[in-house]
Amino acid sequence: MTTLTPRTAPLRAAQVDDAAMREVLSSFCTGVAVITATQPDGRPAGMAVQSFSSVSLDPPLVCFCPAHTSTTWPKIRVAGRFAVNLLAADQQRLCRQFAVTGGDKFAGVDWHPGTNGAPLLDGALATIECELAGTLPGGDHLIALGRVTALAAADRPRTADPLLYFRRTYGRLGSGSSRSAGIASAGSRSEA
């Protein structure tokens, strides 16, 4: 049996700094979603995330990872149910609006309540309604698990590409005959 020796020794956790972590992980392309909920007083709350993922089909579970410092996450947690709105490439402005802290993130945003009461953003590629199933520790973030209760593609079928986040900028699938052509840059640095 041959033992493989790495070209460079892996970094120990103490040697990994925030800047290096951000730089390397920015090479992983993600979709962008807006997590929304209705607070007990009836006001909507929402936050942009790129940390959304499917977890399980049986039972149907998804997750996203809010930062401990998020001012929106406590509002979503108290609501106990939320919606995941998967954004289209033409919704960069909407993403930026939900990526900021404070202010009225829903100003000028068209939405309607889902079956669980959470806001469903008009024009989203798809929506996933969830009950909060629990949270797990995740370093400086939490891992929020949602049990899927309803999901749908856009009311009117859209041919838009998804909004992507890659190397700290927004992007979209490359044009041409091959969808694997890569992404084309379509914005600047975001807090999403």
N, C-alpha and C. Protein backbone atom coordinates (compact mmCIF):
# COMPACT_ATOMS: atom_id res chain seq x y z
N MET A 1 0.85 -1.17 0.00
CA MET A 1 0.00 0.00 0.00
C MET A 1 0.89 1.23 0.00
N THR A 2 0.55 2.19 -0.85
CA THR A 2 1.31 3.43 -0.95
C THR A 2 0.69 4.49 -0.06
N THR A 3 1.50 5.18 0.67
CA THR A 3 1.02 6.30 1.49
C THR A 3 1.21 7.57 0.70
N LEU A 4 0.11 8.32 0.57
CA LEU A 4 0.19 9.59 -0.15
C LEU A 4 0.58 10.69 0.80
N THR A 5 1.47 11.54 0.36
CA THR A 5 1.90 12.68 1.15
C THR A 5 1.39 13.95 0.49
N PRO A 6 0.65 14.77 1.24
CA PRO A 6 0.16 16.01 0.63
C PRO A 6 1.31 16.93 0.24
N ARG A 7 1.09 17.72 -0.79
CA ARG A 7 2.13 18.67 -1.24
C ARG A 7 2.43 19.71 -0.16
N THR A 8 1.42 20.15 0.49
CA THR A 8 1.61 21.09 1.59
C THR A 8 0.84 20.55 2.79
N ALA A 9 1.38 20.78 3.93
CA ALA A 9 0.71 20.30 5.14
C ALA A 9 -0.56 21.11 5.36
N PRO A 10 -1.64 20.44 5.78
CA PRO A 10 -2.88 21.19 6.05
C PRO A 10 -2.69 22.12 7.24
N LEU A 11 -3.41 23.21 7.23
CA LEU A 11 -3.35 24.15 8.34
C LEU A 11 -4.10 23.61 9.54
N ARG A 12 -3.55 23.81 10.72
CA ARG A 12 -4.29 23.50 11.93
C ARG A 12 -5.28 24.63 12.17
N ALA A 13 -6.33 24.35 12.92
CA ALA A 13 -7.38 25.34 13.16
C ALA A 13 -6.82 26.67 13.65
N ALA A 14 -5.82 26.65 14.49
CA ALA A 14 -5.25 27.88 15.03
C ALA A 14 -4.59 28.72 13.93
N GLN A 15 -4.22 28.10 12.81
CA GLN A 15 -3.55 28.82 11.73
C GLN A 15 -4.53 29.37 10.69
N VAL A 16 -5.80 29.02 10.77
CA VAL A 16 -6.78 29.46 9.79
C VAL A 16 -7.38 30.78 10.27
N ASP A 17 -7.13 31.85 9.51
CA ASP A 17 -7.71 33.13 9.92
C ASP A 17 -8.97 33.43 9.10
N ASP A 18 -9.72 34.41 9.58
CA ASP A 18 -11.00 34.75 8.95
C ASP A 18 -10.84 35.10 7.48
N ALA A 19 -9.83 35.90 7.16
CA ALA A 19 -9.62 36.34 5.77
C ALA A 19 -9.35 35.15 4.85
N ALA A 20 -8.52 34.23 5.29
CA ALA A 20 -8.22 33.05 4.47
C ALA A 20 -9.46 32.19 4.30
N MET A 21 -10.23 32.03 5.35
CA MET A 21 -11.45 31.23 5.29
C MET A 21 -12.43 31.83 4.29
N ARG A 22 -12.63 33.15 4.37
CA ARG A 22 -13.54 33.82 3.43
C ARG A 22 -13.05 33.68 1.99
N GLU A 23 -11.76 33.88 1.79
CA GLU A 23 -11.20 33.83 0.45
C GLU A 23 -11.37 32.45 -0.19
N VAL A 24 -11.01 31.42 0.53
CA VAL A 24 -11.10 30.06 -0.02
C VAL A 24 -12.55 29.65 -0.22
N LEU A 25 -13.40 29.89 0.77
CA LEU A 25 -14.79 29.46 0.65
C LEU A 25 -15.59 30.28 -0.35
N SER A 26 -15.09 31.45 -0.73
CA SER A 26 -15.78 32.23 -1.75
C SER A 26 -15.71 31.55 -3.11
N SER A 27 -14.86 30.55 -3.24
CA SER A 27 -14.77 29.79 -4.49
C SER A 27 -15.88 28.75 -4.62
N PHE A 28 -16.71 28.63 -3.59
CA PHE A 28 -17.85 27.72 -3.66
C PHE A 28 -19.08 28.54 -4.03
N CYS A 29 -19.64 28.29 -5.19
CA CYS A 29 -20.80 29.02 -5.68
C CYS A 29 -22.06 28.55 -4.94
N THR A 30 -22.85 29.52 -4.48
CA THR A 30 -24.10 29.18 -3.80
C THR A 30 -25.26 29.95 -4.42
N GLY A 31 -26.44 29.44 -4.21
CA GLY A 31 -27.64 30.18 -4.56
C GLY A 31 -27.92 31.18 -3.45
N VAL A 32 -28.87 32.06 -3.69
CA VAL A 32 -29.23 33.06 -2.69
C VAL A 32 -30.72 32.95 -2.41
N ALA A 33 -31.07 33.04 -1.14
CA ALA A 33 -32.47 32.95 -0.73
C ALA A 33 -32.76 34.06 0.28
N VAL A 34 -34.03 34.37 0.42
CA VAL A 34 -34.48 35.28 1.48
C VAL A 34 -35.38 34.46 2.39
N ILE A 35 -35.04 34.44 3.67
CA ILE A 35 -35.84 33.75 4.69
C ILE A 35 -36.80 34.79 5.26
N THR A 36 -38.08 34.49 5.27
CA THR A 36 -39.09 35.44 5.75
C THR A 36 -39.96 34.79 6.81
N ALA A 37 -40.54 35.63 7.67
CA ALA A 37 -41.47 35.18 8.71
C ALA A 37 -42.38 36.33 9.06
N THR A 38 -43.48 36.01 9.70
CA THR A 38 -44.38 37.03 10.23
C THR A 38 -44.25 37.02 11.74
N GLN A 39 -43.91 38.16 12.29
CA GLN A 39 -43.73 38.29 13.73
C GLN A 39 -45.09 38.21 14.43
N PRO A 40 -45.10 37.91 15.74
CA PRO A 40 -46.37 37.83 16.47
C PRO A 40 -47.23 39.09 16.35
N ASP A 41 -46.60 40.26 16.17
CA ASP A 41 -47.38 41.50 16.04
C ASP A 41 -47.85 41.74 14.61
N GLY A 42 -47.60 40.78 13.70
CA GLY A 42 -48.08 40.87 12.33
C GLY A 42 -47.10 41.49 11.34
N ARG A 43 -45.99 42.06 11.84
CA ARG A 43 -45.01 42.66 10.93
C ARG A 43 -44.14 41.59 10.29
N PRO A 44 -43.81 41.77 9.01
CA PRO A 44 -42.94 40.80 8.34
C PRO A 44 -41.47 41.03 8.73
N ALA A 45 -40.70 39.96 8.69
CA ALA A 45 -39.26 40.01 8.94
C ALA A 45 -38.59 39.17 7.86
N GLY A 46 -37.37 39.56 7.49
CA GLY A 46 -36.68 38.78 6.46
C GLY A 46 -35.19 39.04 6.45
N MET A 47 -34.45 38.07 5.93
CA MET A 47 -33.00 38.18 5.84
C MET A 47 -32.51 37.38 4.64
N ALA A 48 -31.50 37.91 3.95
CA ALA A 48 -30.87 37.22 2.83
C ALA A 48 -29.85 36.22 3.36
N VAL A 49 -29.80 35.04 2.75
CA VAL A 49 -28.83 34.02 3.14
C VAL A 49 -28.27 33.34 1.90
N GLN A 50 -27.07 32.87 2.02
CA GLN A 50 -26.50 32.00 1.00
C GLN A 50 -26.22 30.64 1.59
N SER A 51 -26.56 30.49 2.86
CA SER A 51 -26.30 29.24 3.58
C SER A 51 -27.56 28.39 3.68
N PHE A 52 -28.24 28.18 2.57
CA PHE A 52 -29.45 27.36 2.56
C PHE A 52 -29.14 26.03 1.91
N SER A 53 -29.73 24.96 2.45
CA SER A 53 -29.50 23.63 1.88
C SER A 53 -30.64 22.68 2.20
N SER A 54 -30.84 21.73 1.32
CA SER A 54 -31.73 20.61 1.60
C SER A 54 -30.99 19.68 2.56
N VAL A 55 -31.70 19.10 3.51
CA VAL A 55 -31.08 18.21 4.48
C VAL A 55 -31.57 16.77 4.31
N SER A 56 -32.89 16.60 4.18
CA SER A 56 -33.47 15.26 4.18
C SER A 56 -34.78 15.25 3.39
N LEU A 57 -35.04 14.13 2.72
CA LEU A 57 -36.33 13.93 2.05
C LEU A 57 -37.34 13.27 2.98
N ASP A 58 -36.87 12.43 3.89
CA ASP A 58 -37.76 11.71 4.78
C ASP A 58 -37.19 11.71 6.18
N PRO A 59 -37.62 12.62 7.05
CA PRO A 59 -38.65 13.62 6.82
C PRO A 59 -38.11 14.78 5.99
N PRO A 60 -38.99 15.57 5.37
CA PRO A 60 -38.52 16.69 4.55
C PRO A 60 -37.96 17.82 5.42
N LEU A 61 -36.64 18.00 5.35
CA LEU A 61 -35.97 19.01 6.16
C LEU A 61 -35.05 19.86 5.30
N VAL A 62 -34.94 21.14 5.65
CA VAL A 62 -33.98 22.06 5.04
C VAL A 62 -33.26 22.77 6.18
N CYS A 63 -32.21 23.51 5.84
CA CYS A 63 -31.52 24.29 6.87
C CYS A 63 -30.97 25.58 6.29
N PHE A 64 -30.72 26.53 7.17
CA PHE A 64 -29.96 27.73 6.86
C PHE A 64 -29.20 28.11 8.12
N CYS A 65 -28.23 29.00 7.97
CA CYS A 65 -27.33 29.29 9.10
C CYS A 65 -27.27 30.78 9.41
N PRO A 66 -28.09 31.24 10.34
CA PRO A 66 -28.02 32.65 10.74
C PRO A 66 -26.86 32.89 11.71
N ALA A 67 -26.26 34.06 11.61
CA ALA A 67 -25.19 34.45 12.53
C ALA A 67 -25.77 34.75 13.90
N HIS A 68 -24.98 34.51 14.94
CA HIS A 68 -25.41 34.87 16.29
C HIS A 68 -25.69 36.36 16.40
N THR A 69 -25.03 37.16 15.58
CA THR A 69 -25.19 38.62 15.63
C THR A 69 -26.39 39.12 14.83
N SER A 70 -27.09 38.24 14.13
CA SER A 70 -28.23 38.65 13.31
C SER A 70 -29.31 39.29 14.17
N THR A 71 -29.84 40.41 13.71
CA THR A 71 -30.95 41.05 14.41
C THR A 71 -32.29 40.52 13.89
N THR A 72 -32.29 39.87 12.75
CA THR A 72 -33.52 39.33 12.18
C THR A 72 -33.81 37.92 12.67
N TRP A 73 -32.76 37.11 12.89
CA TRP A 73 -32.96 35.73 13.31
C TRP A 73 -33.86 35.61 14.54
N PRO A 74 -33.70 36.40 15.60
CA PRO A 74 -34.59 36.25 16.75
C PRO A 74 -36.07 36.44 16.39
N LYS A 75 -36.36 37.30 15.42
CA LYS A 75 -37.74 37.51 14.98
C LYS A 75 -38.28 36.26 14.27
N ILE A 76 -37.44 35.63 13.48
CA ILE A 76 -37.84 34.42 12.76
C ILE A 76 -38.00 33.27 13.76
N ARG A 77 -37.07 33.17 14.70
CA ARG A 77 -37.13 32.10 15.71
C ARG A 77 -38.42 32.20 16.53
N VAL A 78 -38.78 33.40 16.96
CA VAL A 78 -40.00 33.58 17.75
C VAL A 78 -41.24 33.23 16.93
N ALA A 79 -41.23 33.55 15.65
CA ALA A 79 -42.37 33.23 14.79
C ALA A 79 -42.60 31.71 14.73
N GLY A 80 -41.52 30.93 14.75
CA GLY A 80 -41.65 29.49 14.75
C GLY A 80 -41.91 28.86 13.39
N ARG A 81 -42.16 29.67 12.41
CA ARG A 81 -42.36 29.19 11.04
C ARG A 81 -41.79 30.24 10.10
N PHE A 82 -41.38 29.80 8.93
CA PHE A 82 -40.73 30.71 7.99
C PHE A 82 -40.91 30.20 6.57
N ALA A 83 -40.53 31.05 5.63
CA ALA A 83 -40.52 30.67 4.22
C ALA A 83 -39.13 30.94 3.66
N VAL A 84 -38.71 30.08 2.77
CA VAL A 84 -37.47 30.25 2.03
C VAL A 84 -37.87 30.68 0.63
N ASN A 85 -37.41 31.84 0.20
CA ASN A 85 -37.71 32.37 -1.13
C ASN A 85 -36.44 32.29 -1.96
N LEU A 86 -36.42 31.40 -2.97
CA LEU A 86 -35.24 31.22 -3.81
C LEU A 86 -35.24 32.30 -4.88
N LEU A 87 -34.20 33.12 -4.90
CA LEU A 87 -34.17 34.30 -5.76
C LEU A 87 -33.68 34.00 -7.17
N ALA A 88 -34.23 34.78 -8.11
CA ALA A 88 -33.84 34.72 -9.52
C ALA A 88 -32.72 35.73 -9.77
N ALA A 89 -32.00 35.54 -10.87
CA ALA A 89 -30.86 36.40 -11.20
C ALA A 89 -31.25 37.87 -11.31
N ASP A 90 -32.49 38.15 -11.67
CA ASP A 90 -32.92 39.55 -11.80
C ASP A 90 -33.39 40.15 -10.47
N GLN A 91 -33.13 39.48 -9.35
CA GLN A 91 -33.56 39.97 -8.05
C GLN A 91 -32.39 40.40 -7.15
N GLN A 92 -31.32 40.87 -7.76
CA GLN A 92 -30.17 41.34 -6.97
C GLN A 92 -30.54 42.48 -6.04
N ARG A 93 -31.31 43.43 -6.54
CA ARG A 93 -31.71 44.58 -5.71
C ARG A 93 -32.49 44.09 -4.49
N LEU A 94 -33.37 43.13 -4.69
CA LEU A 94 -34.15 42.57 -3.59
C LEU A 94 -33.22 41.89 -2.57
N CYS A 95 -32.25 41.16 -3.06
CA CYS A 95 -31.29 40.50 -2.17
C CYS A 95 -30.55 41.54 -1.33
N ARG A 96 -30.07 42.58 -1.96
CA ARG A 96 -29.33 43.63 -1.22
C ARG A 96 -30.22 44.28 -0.17
N GLN A 97 -31.49 44.46 -0.49
CA GLN A 97 -32.43 45.08 0.44
C GLN A 97 -32.58 44.22 1.70
N PHE A 98 -32.59 42.90 1.53
CA PHE A 98 -32.75 42.01 2.68
C PHE A 98 -31.42 41.66 3.35
N ALA A 99 -30.31 42.04 2.75
CA ALA A 99 -28.99 41.74 3.32
C ALA A 99 -28.53 42.77 4.34
N VAL A 100 -29.18 43.92 4.38
CA VAL A 100 -28.77 44.98 5.30
C VAL A 100 -29.40 44.77 6.68
N THR A 101 -28.78 45.38 7.68
CA THR A 101 -29.32 45.34 9.03
C THR A 101 -30.19 46.57 9.25
N GLY A 102 -31.35 46.36 9.83
CA GLY A 102 -32.24 47.46 10.17
C GLY A 102 -33.05 47.96 8.99
N GLY A 103 -33.86 48.97 9.26
CA GLY A 103 -34.70 49.56 8.23
C GLY A 103 -35.89 48.67 7.88
N ASP A 104 -36.73 49.17 7.00
CA ASP A 104 -37.90 48.43 6.54
C ASP A 104 -37.52 47.64 5.30
N LYS A 105 -37.14 46.41 5.49
CA LYS A 105 -36.68 45.57 4.37
C LYS A 105 -37.80 45.27 3.38
N PHE A 106 -39.05 45.40 3.80
CA PHE A 106 -40.18 45.09 2.93
C PHE A 106 -40.72 46.31 2.17
N ALA A 107 -40.07 47.48 2.34
CA ALA A 107 -40.53 48.69 1.64
C ALA A 107 -40.47 48.47 0.13
N GLY A 108 -41.61 48.62 -0.53
CA GLY A 108 -41.68 48.47 -1.98
C GLY A 108 -41.61 47.04 -2.48
N VAL A 109 -41.66 46.06 -1.59
CA VAL A 109 -41.56 44.66 -1.98
C VAL A 109 -42.96 44.06 -2.09
N ASP A 110 -43.23 43.42 -3.23
CA ASP A 110 -44.51 42.74 -3.42
C ASP A 110 -44.43 41.34 -2.86
N TRP A 111 -45.37 41.00 -2.01
CA TRP A 111 -45.41 39.68 -1.40
C TRP A 111 -46.83 39.34 -1.00
N HIS A 112 -47.05 38.08 -0.70
CA HIS A 112 -48.33 37.62 -0.20
C HIS A 112 -48.07 36.55 0.85
N PRO A 113 -49.02 36.37 1.80
CA PRO A 113 -48.78 35.39 2.85
C PRO A 113 -48.90 33.96 2.32
N GLY A 114 -48.00 33.11 2.81
CA GLY A 114 -48.09 31.69 2.47
C GLY A 114 -49.10 30.99 3.36
N THR A 115 -49.23 29.70 3.20
CA THR A 115 -50.19 28.94 4.00
C THR A 115 -49.82 28.98 5.49
N ASN A 116 -48.53 29.17 5.79
CA ASN A 116 -48.12 29.25 7.20
C ASN A 116 -48.04 30.71 7.69
N GLY A 117 -48.44 31.65 6.84
CA GLY A 117 -48.44 33.06 7.21
C GLY A 117 -47.17 33.81 6.88
N ALA A 118 -46.10 33.11 6.55
CA ALA A 118 -44.83 33.77 6.22
C ALA A 118 -44.93 34.43 4.85
N PRO A 119 -44.28 35.58 4.67
CA PRO A 119 -44.31 36.26 3.38
C PRO A 119 -43.65 35.44 2.26
N LEU A 120 -44.35 35.32 1.15
CA LEU A 120 -43.80 34.72 -0.06
C LEU A 120 -43.54 35.86 -1.02
N LEU A 121 -42.29 36.03 -1.45
CA LEU A 121 -41.90 37.15 -2.29
C LEU A 121 -42.31 36.90 -3.74
N ASP A 122 -43.04 37.86 -4.30
CA ASP A 122 -43.44 37.75 -5.69
C ASP A 122 -42.20 37.73 -6.58
N GLY A 123 -42.21 36.85 -7.57
CA GLY A 123 -41.10 36.76 -8.51
C GLY A 123 -40.02 35.78 -8.11
N ALA A 124 -40.11 35.20 -6.91
CA ALA A 124 -39.11 34.20 -6.50
C ALA A 124 -39.25 32.98 -7.41
N LEU A 125 -38.14 32.30 -7.65
CA LEU A 125 -38.18 31.10 -8.48
C LEU A 125 -38.99 29.99 -7.82
N ALA A 126 -38.90 29.90 -6.51
CA ALA A 126 -39.64 28.89 -5.76
C ALA A 126 -39.71 29.31 -4.30
N THR A 127 -40.67 28.75 -3.58
CA THR A 127 -40.81 29.03 -2.16
C THR A 127 -40.96 27.71 -1.40
N ILE A 128 -40.43 27.71 -0.19
CA ILE A 128 -40.48 26.53 0.66
C ILE A 128 -40.94 27.01 2.04
N GLU A 129 -42.10 26.54 2.48
CA GLU A 129 -42.62 26.94 3.78
C GLU A 129 -42.25 25.89 4.81
N CYS A 130 -41.87 26.35 6.01
CA CYS A 130 -41.33 25.45 7.03
C CYS A 130 -41.81 25.81 8.43
N GLU A 131 -41.82 24.80 9.28
CA GLU A 131 -41.93 24.97 10.72
C GLU A 131 -40.52 24.82 11.27
N LEU A 132 -40.14 25.67 12.20
CA LEU A 132 -38.82 25.56 12.80
C LEU A 132 -38.75 24.26 13.59
N ALA A 133 -37.85 23.36 13.20
CA ALA A 133 -37.73 22.06 13.84
C ALA A 133 -36.68 22.05 14.94
N GLY A 134 -35.81 23.04 14.95
CA GLY A 134 -34.77 23.10 15.98
C GLY A 134 -33.55 23.81 15.49
N THR A 135 -32.61 24.02 16.39
CA THR A 135 -31.34 24.65 16.04
C THR A 135 -30.20 23.83 16.63
N LEU A 136 -29.08 23.92 15.97
CA LEU A 136 -27.86 23.25 16.41
C LEU A 136 -26.76 24.29 16.48
N PRO A 137 -25.77 24.10 17.34
CA PRO A 137 -24.65 25.04 17.38
C PRO A 137 -23.81 24.92 16.12
N GLY A 138 -23.30 26.03 15.65
CA GLY A 138 -22.45 26.04 14.47
C GLY A 138 -21.41 27.14 14.55
N GLY A 139 -20.62 27.15 15.62
CA GLY A 139 -19.59 28.17 15.76
C GLY A 139 -20.21 29.53 15.98
N ASP A 140 -19.84 30.51 15.13
CA ASP A 140 -20.40 31.85 15.28
C ASP A 140 -21.76 31.97 14.59
N HIS A 141 -22.29 30.86 14.10
CA HIS A 141 -23.62 30.79 13.51
C HIS A 141 -24.42 29.69 14.21
N LEU A 142 -25.69 29.64 13.92
CA LEU A 142 -26.55 28.54 14.31
C LEU A 142 -26.94 27.79 13.05
N ILE A 143 -27.30 26.54 13.19
CA ILE A 143 -27.86 25.77 12.09
C ILE A 143 -29.34 25.63 12.40
N ALA A 144 -30.18 26.32 11.64
CA ALA A 144 -31.62 26.30 11.85
C ALA A 144 -32.23 25.25 10.92
N LEU A 145 -32.91 24.28 11.52
CA LEU A 145 -33.56 23.23 10.74
C LEU A 145 -35.04 23.54 10.58
N GLY A 146 -35.53 23.38 9.37
CA GLY A 146 -36.94 23.60 9.10
C GLY A 146 -37.59 22.35 8.54
N ARG A 147 -38.76 21.99 9.10
CA ARG A 147 -39.54 20.88 8.54
C ARG A 147 -40.44 21.45 7.46
N VAL A 148 -40.30 20.98 6.25
CA VAL A 148 -41.04 21.51 5.10
C VAL A 148 -42.51 21.14 5.24
N THR A 149 -43.37 22.18 5.12
CA THR A 149 -44.82 21.98 5.20
C THR A 149 -45.52 22.27 3.88
N ALA A 150 -44.89 23.06 3.02
CA ALA A 150 -45.44 23.37 1.70
C ALA A 150 -44.31 23.88 0.82
N LEU A 151 -44.42 23.64 -0.47
CA LEU A 151 -43.43 24.18 -1.40
C LEU A 151 -44.05 24.33 -2.77
N ALA A 152 -43.51 25.26 -3.53
CA ALA A 152 -44.06 25.53 -4.86
C ALA A 152 -43.04 26.25 -5.72
N ALA A 153 -43.12 25.96 -7.01
CA ALA A 153 -42.39 26.76 -7.99
C ALA A 153 -43.20 28.04 -8.19
N ALA A 154 -42.64 29.01 -8.88
CA ALA A 154 -43.31 30.28 -9.11
C ALA A 154 -44.70 30.06 -9.71
N ASP A 155 -45.66 30.93 -9.31
CA ASP A 155 -47.02 30.83 -9.85
C ASP A 155 -47.01 30.89 -11.37
N ARG A 156 -46.24 31.82 -11.88
CA ARG A 156 -46.07 31.92 -13.32
C ARG A 156 -44.69 31.38 -13.65
N PRO A 157 -44.61 30.31 -14.43
CA PRO A 157 -43.29 29.74 -14.72
C PRO A 157 -42.32 30.81 -15.22
N ARG A 158 -41.13 30.81 -14.63
CA ARG A 158 -40.10 31.77 -15.01
C ARG A 158 -38.97 31.02 -15.70
N THR A 159 -38.40 31.67 -16.67
CA THR A 159 -37.24 31.08 -17.34
C THR A 159 -35.95 31.70 -16.82
N ALA A 160 -36.07 32.53 -15.80
CA ALA A 160 -34.89 33.21 -15.24
C ALA A 160 -33.94 32.21 -14.59
N ASP A 161 -32.66 32.52 -14.67
CA ASP A 161 -31.64 31.74 -13.97
C ASP A 161 -31.70 32.09 -12.49
N PRO A 162 -31.10 31.25 -11.64
CA PRO A 162 -31.04 31.58 -10.22
C PRO A 162 -30.02 32.68 -9.94
N LEU A 163 -30.22 33.39 -8.85
CA LEU A 163 -29.22 34.35 -8.39
C LEU A 163 -28.14 33.57 -7.67
N LEU A 164 -26.90 33.76 -8.08
CA LEU A 164 -25.77 33.04 -7.52
C LEU A 164 -24.83 34.00 -6.81
N TYR A 165 -24.07 33.46 -5.87
CA TYR A 165 -23.07 34.24 -5.16
C TYR A 165 -21.75 33.48 -5.26
N PHE A 166 -20.73 34.15 -5.82
CA PHE A 166 -19.45 33.50 -6.10
C PHE A 166 -18.35 34.53 -6.01
N ARG A 167 -17.31 34.23 -5.26
CA ARG A 167 -16.16 35.12 -5.07
C ARG A 167 -16.59 36.54 -4.67
N ARG A 168 -17.51 36.56 -3.72
CA ARG A 168 -18.01 37.80 -3.11
C ARG A 168 -18.75 38.73 -4.07
N THR A 169 -19.34 38.16 -5.09
CA THR A 169 -20.13 38.97 -6.01
C THR A 169 -21.32 38.15 -6.49
N TYR A 170 -22.33 38.82 -6.96
CA TYR A 170 -23.48 38.14 -7.54
C TYR A 170 -23.13 37.69 -8.94
N GLY A 171 -23.82 36.67 -9.38
CA GLY A 171 -23.59 36.17 -10.73
C GLY A 171 -24.80 35.43 -11.23
N ARG A 172 -24.68 34.98 -12.44
CA ARG A 172 -25.73 34.18 -13.06
C ARG A 172 -25.07 33.12 -13.90
N LEU A 173 -25.82 32.12 -14.28
CA LEU A 173 -25.26 31.09 -15.13
C LEU A 173 -24.78 31.70 -16.42
N GLY A 174 -23.66 31.20 -16.96
CA GLY A 174 -23.12 31.72 -18.21
C GLY A 174 -24.07 31.51 -19.36
N SER A 175 -24.04 32.40 -20.32
CA SER A 175 -24.92 32.27 -21.48
C SER A 175 -24.29 31.35 -22.50
N GLY A 176 -25.06 30.95 -23.46
CA GLY A 176 -24.56 30.06 -24.50
C GLY A 176 -25.24 28.72 -24.42
N SER A 177 -24.78 27.79 -25.23
CA SER A 177 -25.44 26.50 -25.32
C SER A 177 -25.17 25.62 -24.11
N SER A 178 -24.10 25.85 -23.41
CA SER A 178 -23.77 25.01 -22.26
C SER A 178 -24.00 25.77 -20.97
N ARG A 179 -24.85 25.23 -20.09
CA ARG A 179 -25.11 25.88 -18.81
C ARG A 179 -23.93 25.68 -17.87
N SER A 180 -22.97 24.85 -18.25
CA SER A 180 -21.80 24.66 -17.40
C SER A 180 -20.67 25.61 -17.78
N ALA A 181 -21.01 26.63 -18.54
CA ALA A 181 -19.99 27.58 -19.01
C ALA A 181 -19.46 28.46 -17.89
N GLY A 182 -20.07 28.40 -16.71
CA GLY A 182 -19.60 29.21 -15.60
C GLY A 182 -20.58 30.31 -15.29
N ILE A 183 -20.22 31.17 -14.36
CA ILE A 183 -21.11 32.28 -14.05
C ILE A 183 -20.49 33.57 -14.51
N ALA A 184 -21.34 34.49 -14.85
CA ALA A 184 -20.90 35.81 -15.26
C ALA A 184 -21.12 36.76 -14.10
N SER A 185 -20.14 37.57 -13.79
CA SER A 185 -20.26 38.51 -12.68
C SER A 185 -21.36 39.51 -12.96
N ALA A 186 -22.15 39.79 -11.93
CA ALA A 186 -23.27 40.71 -12.11
C ALA A 186 -23.45 41.64 -10.94
N GLY A 187 -22.41 41.93 -10.21
CA GLY A 187 -22.58 42.81 -9.07
C GLY A 187 -21.28 42.99 -8.31
N SER A 188 -21.43 43.59 -7.13
CA SER A 188 -20.26 43.82 -6.29
C SER A 188 -20.43 43.09 -4.97
N ARG A 189 -19.52 43.31 -4.08
CA ARG A 189 -19.52 42.62 -2.79
C ARG A 189 -20.84 42.79 -2.07
N SER A 190 -21.30 41.73 -1.45
CA SER A 190 -22.59 41.73 -0.76
C SER A 190 -22.42 41.23 0.67
N GLU A 191 -23.35 41.52 1.51
CA GLU A 191 -23.35 41.00 2.87
C GLU A 191 -24.20 39.74 2.97
N ALA A 192 -24.75 39.26 1.86
CA ALA A 192 -25.62 38.07 1.87
C ALA A 192 -24.83 36.83 2.20
